Amino acid sequence: MNRSAFLFSSASLAAAGSAVSSAATIPGGTHLVERAQDFDAAAFARILGRPARIRQLVESVAFKPAMLNNVKNAFNGLQFGFGYPADAIAVAFANHGPSSAYGYSDEMWRKYRIGEFLSIVDAQGAPLTANVYYPAASSYHPSDDPDDVHGMYQDTSIAMLQRRGAVVLACHTAIEEQSRAIVVKGFAPAGAQPQDVAADLLTHLIPGAVVVPSMVAAIAVLQADYHYAYLTLTF
């Protein structure tokens, strides 16, 4: 199945509760366990295996946004401290479990009350209603002073980290499992089935998100076949 080089940017889908016409329209297909025929291995290899002198993957399970600062620090340390060219640094952001929410569009955060569902709150304790971690806080200007707190090199947004070379991965299995919990706990629209929610989430990811069959499996492949150094963070 050809899925446009595996880059998805809020593709349209009928509202949850309506029938899904074809598995071919859903990144990764409609099975709980993704099948090989629904996985674009060539595109995965092209995106994650792009030329790079250093590769790092950051696994994120528990939802701890401070981790985004660590990803930013990795880019800065590699570029300005160790001297790797900016375009020679590849970072894979391996989100699963609650951290799958980093890859959901604002529409999905609102529709399925993701903040309430996952107990993700703002400074006042109110559930978040949008993916506030995605939008860039600065403009892309490589000439910025890396010490400028308002410049791109201190921007921890997912959009800016992507612009600097990070690839956001989305776990098909985690999204399928999370969709079941969303329905069971009453966060889906009335009448929606788990497969409808999963299809909705998978086709409304943030721009550039790459769906993989299983994140724990993808981590092994990235380490073994693409030589990504592994990093997990605890807080």
Protein backbone atom coordinates (compact mmCIF):
# COMPACT_ATOMS: atom_id res chain seq x y z
CA MET A 1 0.00 0.00 0.00
CA ASN A 2 1.42 3.40 -0.98
CA ARG A 3 0.86 5.99 1.75
CA SER A 4 2.54 9.09 0.28
CA ALA A 5 6.01 8.54 1.65
CA PHE A 6 4.50 7.79 5.05
CA LEU A 7 3.91 11.45 5.83
CA PHE A 8 0.44 12.23 7.07
CA SER A 9 -0.95 15.69 7.64
CA SER A 10 -4.50 15.58 8.93
CA ALA A 11 -6.05 13.50 6.16
CA SER A 12 -9.83 13.68 6.08
CA LEU A 13 -12.02 10.89 7.39
CA ALA A 14 -15.73 10.59 8.11
CA ALA A 15 -16.71 11.36 11.68
CA ALA A 16 -16.46 8.59 14.26
CA GLY A 17 -19.49 6.36 14.14
CA SER A 18 -19.61 6.22 10.37
CA ALA A 19 -18.36 3.26 8.38
CA VAL A 20 -14.73 3.06 7.31
CA SER A 21 -14.80 2.38 3.60
CA SER A 22 -11.37 0.84 3.10
CA ALA A 23 -8.33 -0.15 5.14
CA ALA A 24 -6.25 1.46 2.38
CA THR A 25 -7.31 4.90 3.66
CA ILE A 26 -6.08 4.18 7.20
CA PRO A 27 -2.35 4.42 8.02
CA GLY A 28 -1.37 0.94 9.14
CA GLY A 29 -4.73 -0.59 8.27
CA THR A 30 -7.62 -1.54 10.52
CA HIS A 31 -6.30 -4.60 12.37
CA LEU A 32 -5.37 -4.40 16.04
CA VAL A 33 -2.05 -5.97 15.02
CA GLU A 34 -0.77 -4.27 11.87
CA ARG A 35 -0.03 -6.59 8.96
CA ALA A 36 3.00 -6.43 6.67
CA GLN A 37 0.84 -5.56 3.67
CA ASP A 38 -0.32 -2.40 5.46
CA PHE A 39 3.20 -1.27 6.38
CA ASP A 40 5.23 0.73 3.86
CA ALA A 41 8.67 -0.62 4.69
CA ALA A 42 10.33 1.20 1.79
CA ALA A 43 9.05 4.57 2.96
CA PHE A 44 10.04 3.81 6.55
CA ALA A 45 13.57 3.01 5.35
CA ARG A 46 13.74 6.20 3.30
CA ILE A 47 12.63 8.49 6.12
CA LEU A 48 14.32 6.88 9.12
CA GLY A 49 17.35 5.73 7.13
CA ARG A 50 18.13 9.08 5.54
CA PRO A 51 21.84 9.97 5.39
CA ALA A 52 23.09 11.05 8.82
CA ARG A 53 26.33 10.90 10.75
CA ILE A 54 24.65 10.41 14.10
CA ARG A 55 21.25 8.96 14.95
CA GLN A 56 19.40 8.99 18.26
CA LEU A 57 15.98 7.71 19.28
CA VAL A 58 14.16 8.98 22.33
CA GLU A 59 11.47 6.71 23.76
CA SER A 60 8.55 8.42 25.46
CA VAL A 61 5.85 6.44 27.27
CA ALA A 62 4.76 8.45 30.33
CA PHE A 63 3.56 11.89 29.30
CA LYS A 64 6.37 14.15 30.57
CA PRO A 65 6.70 17.28 28.38
CA ALA A 66 10.04 18.18 29.98
CA MET A 67 11.40 15.48 27.68
CA LEU A 68 11.02 17.87 24.74
CA ASN A 69 13.65 20.08 26.33
CA ASN A 70 16.01 17.10 26.39
CA VAL A 71 15.45 16.52 22.69
CA LYS A 72 16.24 20.19 22.06
CA ASN A 73 19.38 19.87 24.18
CA ALA A 74 20.46 16.80 22.20
CA PHE A 75 20.22 18.74 18.94
CA ASN A 76 22.11 21.69 20.41
CA GLY A 77 24.81 19.59 22.05
CA LEU A 78 25.42 17.58 18.91
CA GLN A 79 25.46 20.61 16.62
CA PHE A 80 27.21 23.27 18.70
CA GLY A 81 29.19 21.22 21.20
CA PHE A 82 30.28 18.15 19.23
CA GLY A 83 30.25 19.96 15.89
CA TYR A 84 27.99 17.71 13.83
CA PRO A 85 26.42 19.53 10.86
CA ALA A 86 22.75 20.25 11.46
CA ASP A 87 21.68 18.16 8.47
CA ALA A 88 23.75 15.19 9.66
CA ILE A 89 21.71 14.70 12.85
CA ALA A 90 18.72 12.33 12.82
CA VAL A 91 16.44 11.99 15.84
CA ALA A 92 13.46 9.64 16.14
CA PHE A 93 10.84 10.55 18.72
CA ALA A 94 9.33 7.19 19.74
CA ASN A 95 5.96 7.93 21.34
CA HIS A 96 3.65 5.28 22.72
CA GLY A 97 1.37 4.76 25.70
CA PRO A 98 0.05 8.14 26.93
CA SER A 99 2.75 9.90 24.89
CA SER A 100 0.90 8.91 21.73
CA ALA A 101 -1.01 12.14 22.40
CA TYR A 102 1.97 14.18 21.16
CA GLY A 103 1.05 12.99 17.68
CA TYR A 104 -2.66 13.88 17.77
CA SER A 105 -4.02 16.96 16.03
CA ASP A 106 -5.94 19.65 17.92
CA GLU A 107 -9.15 18.29 16.44
CA MET A 108 -8.55 14.90 18.06
CA TRP A 109 -7.62 16.48 21.39
CA ARG A 110 -10.99 18.26 21.39
CA LYS A 111 -13.13 15.48 20.00
CA TYR A 112 -11.93 12.76 22.37
CA ARG A 113 -11.11 15.05 25.32
CA ILE A 114 -7.56 13.77 25.34
CA GLY A 115 -6.49 16.10 28.14
CA GLU A 116 -9.25 14.80 30.39
CA PHE A 117 -8.80 11.19 29.26
CA LEU A 118 -5.06 11.19 30.04
CA SER A 119 -5.17 13.71 32.93
CA ILE A 120 -3.04 16.24 31.03
CA VAL A 121 -3.74 19.63 32.57
CA ASP A 122 -2.62 23.26 32.31
CA ALA A 123 -1.05 25.34 35.10
CA GLN A 124 -4.49 25.94 36.59
CA GLY A 125 -5.31 22.23 36.62
CA ALA A 126 -7.80 22.35 33.75
CA PRO A 127 -7.60 19.56 31.12
CA LEU A 128 -5.87 20.67 27.94
CA THR A 129 -8.12 20.89 24.89
CA ALA A 130 -5.43 21.19 22.22
CA ASN A 131 -1.98 19.85 21.41
CA VAL A 132 -0.11 22.84 22.82
CA TYR A 133 3.19 21.00 22.43
CA TYR A 134 3.10 21.04 18.64
CA PRO A 135 3.06 24.65 17.32
CA ALA A 136 6.42 26.36 16.83
CA ALA A 137 7.19 29.21 19.23
CA SER A 138 9.76 30.80 16.91
CA SER A 139 10.68 31.10 13.25
CA TYR A 140 13.24 28.90 11.57
CA HIS A 141 16.38 31.02 11.29
CA PRO A 142 19.58 28.94 11.39
CA SER A 143 21.57 32.15 11.90
CA ASP A 144 19.99 32.65 15.35
CA ASP A 145 22.27 32.83 18.36
CA PRO A 146 21.88 29.44 20.12
CA ASP A 147 21.88 31.32 23.45
CA ASP A 148 18.86 33.44 22.46
CA VAL A 149 16.01 32.17 24.63
CA HIS A 150 13.53 33.40 22.00
CA GLY A 151 15.35 31.88 19.02
CA MET A 152 14.83 28.59 17.25
CA TYR A 153 17.58 26.77 19.13
CA GLN A 154 15.73 27.17 22.43
CA ASP A 155 12.33 26.31 20.95
CA THR A 156 11.10 22.99 22.39
CA SER A 157 7.99 22.74 20.22
CA ILE A 158 7.48 19.53 18.29
CA ALA A 159 7.13 21.50 15.04
CA MET A 160 10.55 23.11 15.48
CA LEU A 161 12.18 19.85 16.54
CA GLN A 162 10.76 18.29 13.37
CA ARG A 163 12.13 21.19 11.35
CA ARG A 164 15.55 20.47 12.84
CA GLY A 165 15.42 16.80 11.85
CA ALA A 166 13.28 14.93 14.37
CA VAL A 167 10.82 12.34 13.09
CA VAL A 168 7.74 11.81 15.24
CA LEU A 169 6.70 8.17 15.32
CA ALA A 170 3.15 7.03 16.09
CA CYS A 171 2.49 3.51 17.39
CA HIS A 172 -0.36 1.80 15.56
CA THR A 173 -0.83 -0.74 18.37
CA ALA A 174 -0.91 1.92 21.08
CA ILE A 175 -3.49 3.94 19.16
CA GLU A 176 -5.67 0.88 18.62
CA GLU A 177 -5.49 0.01 22.32
CA GLN A 178 -6.05 3.60 23.41
CA SER A 179 -9.10 3.82 21.15
CA ARG A 180 -10.68 0.94 23.00
CA ALA A 181 -10.12 2.68 26.32
CA ILE A 182 -11.55 5.95 24.93
CA VAL A 183 -14.78 4.15 24.04
CA VAL A 184 -15.01 2.11 27.25
CA LYS A 185 -14.44 5.17 29.45
CA GLY A 186 -17.00 7.27 27.60
CA PHE A 187 -14.73 9.77 25.84
CA ALA A 188 -15.94 8.93 22.33
CA PRO A 189 -19.09 10.30 20.70
CA ALA A 190 -22.20 8.22 21.30
CA GLY A 191 -22.29 5.13 19.13
CA ALA A 192 -18.64 5.25 18.11
CA GLN A 193 -16.83 1.92 17.96
CA PRO A 194 -13.13 1.41 18.81
CA GLN A 195 -12.25 0.85 15.16
CA ASP A 196 -13.89 4.17 14.25
CA VAL A 197 -11.89 6.02 16.90
CA ALA A 198 -8.64 4.35 15.85
CA ALA A 199 -9.24 5.22 12.19
CA ASP A 200 -10.02 8.81 13.16
CA LEU A 201 -6.87 9.20 15.25
CA LEU A 202 -4.62 7.53 12.69
CA THR A 203 -5.83 9.82 9.90
CA HIS A 204 -5.67 12.99 12.02
CA LEU A 205 -2.09 12.97 13.21
CA ILE A 206 0.16 16.02 13.30
CA PRO A 207 1.96 16.81 10.02
CA GLY A 208 4.91 14.54 9.41
CA ALA A 209 3.96 11.81 11.89
CA VAL A 210 5.12 8.34 10.83
CA VAL A 211 2.96 5.36 11.81
CA VAL A 212 4.83 2.20 12.81
CA PRO A 213 3.22 -1.18 13.56
CA SER A 214 4.48 -1.41 17.15
CA MET A 215 6.77 1.05 18.90
CA VAL A 216 8.66 -1.54 20.92
CA ALA A 217 9.31 -3.40 17.67
CA ALA A 218 10.25 -0.22 15.79
CA ILE A 219 12.81 0.66 18.50
CA ALA A 220 14.51 -2.70 17.99
CA VAL A 221 14.59 -2.20 14.21
CA LEU A 222 15.96 1.34 14.54
CA GLN A 223 18.75 0.11 16.81
CA ALA A 224 19.62 -3.07 14.94
CA ASP A 225 19.22 -2.01 11.32
CA TYR A 226 19.67 1.78 11.37
CA HIS A 227 22.08 2.15 14.31
CA TYR A 228 20.08 4.66 16.33
CA ALA A 229 21.44 5.19 19.83
CA TYR A 230 18.70 4.57 22.39
CA LEU A 231 17.65 7.03 25.08
CA THR A 232 14.83 6.80 27.57
CA LEU A 233 14.18 9.48 30.17
CA THR A 234 12.74 9.13 33.66
CA PHE A 235 11.53 12.01 35.82
